Amino acid sequence: MSSNASSEPLHVLVIVASTRPGRLGPAIANWFAEAALPAAAASGVTLDIADLADIGLPLLDEPEHPSSGVYAHEHTRAWSRRVAAADAFVVVTPEYNYGMPAALKNAFDFLYHEWAWKPVAFVSYGNTSAGTRSVQMAKQVVTTLKMMPIGATVALRLADSVQDGQVLRSARLDDTARGMLLELTRVATAMRPLRTAPEGEAAVTTGPVDGLRLAAAQPDDLAELLVLQRCCWVQEAIANDTLDLPPLRETLDELRESLSTWQVWCVRRHGRLVAAVRARSHEGAWLIGRLMVAPDQAGQGIGGWLLSHVEQQAPQETTRYELFTGEGSTGNIKRYQRAGYALANDENTPQGSVRLTKQRQPTACLG
C-alpha cells in the first residue's frame, strides 16, 4: 500500500435494488446522488449508480461457489469488476413482503470476496415501515459477506416523501442524505487497511484457499518463477512424450526478456510462489500463457481462479481469449473446456499443440 493510499478518493456504488416496472428506485437513487453530491465533491468521493434492472443478472447460474472467484459467465465478471472497484455501497431498496427484493439477494449471492471489508448504508422506502424490514433482512446477509452496515440510514414513507414519482426535496431530507454519506465514507476510510497490504507487500488476495497474494511479477520473482515453471512442465513433458517444450528450456535471461512483451502475474501463498500466468494483446485477442500451479497445490481451484482473474485483465477492445496446451494434455484441455473454451486448431497451431479460444461477451456500458 502506498503511503498516501488512505487519502485516495473513495468510490461509492449506489445499488438500485428493485427491478419491477413502475418502480421508484431510480428516482430515489437519483435524489440521493444529487443531495449527497456537494458532500461527495468536497471530499473527493465519486458516486456511481448501478441499477440491477439494467445490469440484468439472471438467477444465480455460476457452477462454482462464489468464494472460489471462478466465474464462467461474462455477466458475473462484469458485476465482479463493478463491485470490486467500490469502497462502499448505498443500497436503495423497497420492502417486499417484509423482506428485501429477490433481485438484491441474487446480486449479493453472485459474489463473495468482492464485498468483503466494505461498509454499506441503506436508503429504504415503503408504506407503513418505510422499507425498514427490508433493511433488517439485508443486514443479516451483508454481515455474512463481511460487510459492515453503518448506523445512519434514510427511511422514506411514500405518503410523506414521494409525489408524482419523485422525492419531495427538503433541506432536512437532503441533510440526512449528506450525513449518511459522510458517515459511510468515514467508515470506508477506516476499513481500507483491511483490504490493503503494508508498504512493499502484495495485497492478500481473496481466492479459493487462504493466504494468497497476487501481484505483477517483479525481477526478484524470476529465479523462483523459473523453478516453478520447470516443476509444472514435467507433467506436460510426460503427457506429451517430449522434453522439447519452451518452458523447460527457457533461460533466466529469456524469462527476464519476456517481461517486455508479456504481462506476468505471480501468486504466493504464505510467501511461497505457487502459481503464475502471463497474457498479452494480439489483434483483438487476449493471449494467455504459462498458466501454472505448483503440483502439490493443484486440485484446490487456484488454476481456475487465476484463469478467471487474467481474463478480467483483458483490455476493453478484446474480442476473444486464446491459449495453447499440448495435444496430449487431456486434463488441461478438459479443464479449459469446462471454463468455456473450445478447440480452434488451424494451420498456425504449432505441431504437437492445440489452440483453444473463448469469445468475450460484450459488456453494457452502465452509468
Foldseek 3Di string as FASTA:
>chain_A
DDPCVLLDEAEEEEEQQDQDPPDLRVQVSVVLCVLQVVLCVVSVYHYFYDYLNVLPDDQQDAPDFQLALFGLDLSLLVLLVVLLRHLEYEYEFEADPLETDPSVVRSLRSHAQSLALHEYEYAAADAPVLRVSHVVRVVVSSVVSNYHYDDQYHRYHCVPADDPSHGDDDPVNSVSSNVVVVVRVVSSSVSVVVQADPPPAATFDRHLDGQKGKDWDDLVCQVLVLVQLCQFCVVQCVLLVHPPDCSNPPDSVNSVVCVVAWTKMFMDGPRHTFWIKIWHDDPQEIEIDDTGGRPVPPPRSPSSSVVSVSVSVDDLSHFKYKYKGFPRPVVVVVVVVVSPWDWDDDPPADPRMTMIMHTNDHDDDGD
